[in-house]
Amino acid sequence: MTELHNPKLDEHPASNAEKDPANWVSGDEPITGAQASYLATLCEEAGVALPADDLTKAEASLKIDEMKAKLGRE
């Protein structure tokens, strides 16, 4: 039997989590509910004001990364 190649098992798979938000196809779409909720939680924990409601998915992702760094999370 021949083994099938599974890119998910590669040592360094190309995943969406590794893509720069500026290169996302859907990056210009409005922030998702999940992003908004997570960002609100992180901002509350960091003691900072929530950003504007009109963030894009890409902007929200960058802000989430910023808040996680501020809180010392990966």
Protein backbone atom coordinates (compact mmCIF):
# COMPACT_ATOMS: atom_id res chain seq x y z
CA MET A 1 0.00 0.00 0.00
CA THR A 2 1.32 3.44 -0.92
CA GLU A 3 1.34 6.10 1.79
CA LEU A 4 -0.49 9.31 0.95
CA HIS A 5 1.22 12.62 1.59
CA ASN A 6 -0.46 14.62 4.35
CA PRO A 7 0.75 18.25 4.49
CA LYS A 8 -0.78 18.59 7.97
CA LEU A 9 1.90 16.20 9.21
CA ASP A 10 4.82 18.05 7.62
CA GLU A 11 7.41 19.44 9.98
CA HIS A 12 6.58 23.02 8.99
CA PRO A 13 3.06 23.10 7.55
CA ALA A 14 1.85 26.29 5.94
CA SER A 15 -1.07 27.19 8.13
CA ASN A 16 -3.30 30.25 8.24
CA ALA A 17 -2.09 30.89 11.77
CA GLU A 18 1.36 31.58 10.36
CA LYS A 19 0.26 33.96 7.61
CA ASP A 20 0.71 37.68 8.00
CA PRO A 21 -2.77 39.18 8.50
CA ALA A 22 -1.93 41.74 5.80
CA ASN A 23 -1.91 38.84 3.31
CA TRP A 24 -5.25 37.31 4.32
CA VAL A 25 -7.81 37.10 1.53
CA SER A 26 -10.58 37.93 4.01
CA GLY A 27 -8.50 40.39 6.05
CA ASP A 28 -10.60 43.37 4.98
CA GLU A 29 -13.83 41.79 6.24
CA PRO A 30 -15.31 43.03 9.53
CA ILE A 31 -14.05 41.62 12.82
CA THR A 32 -15.67 38.30 13.74
CA GLY A 33 -17.73 37.78 16.87
CA ALA A 34 -15.11 35.41 18.25
CA GLN A 35 -12.33 37.95 17.66
CA ALA A 36 -14.38 40.74 19.26
CA SER A 37 -15.09 38.62 22.34
CA TYR A 38 -11.48 37.49 22.76
CA LEU A 39 -10.16 41.00 22.19
CA ALA A 40 -12.60 42.38 24.79
CA THR A 41 -11.38 39.81 27.32
CA LEU A 42 -7.72 40.56 26.63
CA CYS A 43 -8.25 44.33 26.80
CA GLU A 44 -10.11 43.97 30.09
CA GLU A 45 -7.31 41.83 31.54
CA ALA A 46 -4.68 44.30 30.29
CA GLY A 47 -6.63 47.28 31.65
CA VAL A 48 -6.84 49.05 28.31
CA ALA A 49 -9.78 50.50 26.43
CA LEU A 50 -11.37 48.50 23.64
CA PRO A 51 -10.36 49.63 20.15
CA ALA A 52 -12.89 51.01 17.69
CA ASP A 53 -15.75 48.73 16.65
CA ASP A 54 -14.91 49.02 12.96
CA LEU A 55 -11.80 46.83 12.97
CA THR A 56 -11.17 44.41 10.13
CA LYS A 57 -10.29 40.78 10.71
CA ALA A 58 -6.64 41.53 10.01
CA GLU A 59 -6.56 44.58 12.32
CA ALA A 60 -8.27 42.58 15.07
CA SER A 61 -5.73 39.78 14.72
CA LEU A 62 -2.86 42.23 15.08
CA LYS A 63 -4.50 43.87 18.11
CA ILE A 64 -5.07 40.44 19.70
CA ASP A 65 -1.39 39.63 19.19
CA GLU A 66 -0.46 42.98 20.74
CA MET A 67 -2.64 42.37 23.80
CA LYS A 68 -1.33 38.81 24.22
CA ALA A 69 2.25 40.15 24.13
CA LYS A 70 1.35 42.83 26.67
CA LEU A 71 -0.03 40.13 28.95
CA GLY A 72 2.97 37.84 28.40
CA ARG A 73 1.06 35.17 26.51
CA GLU A 74 1.97 33.32 23.37
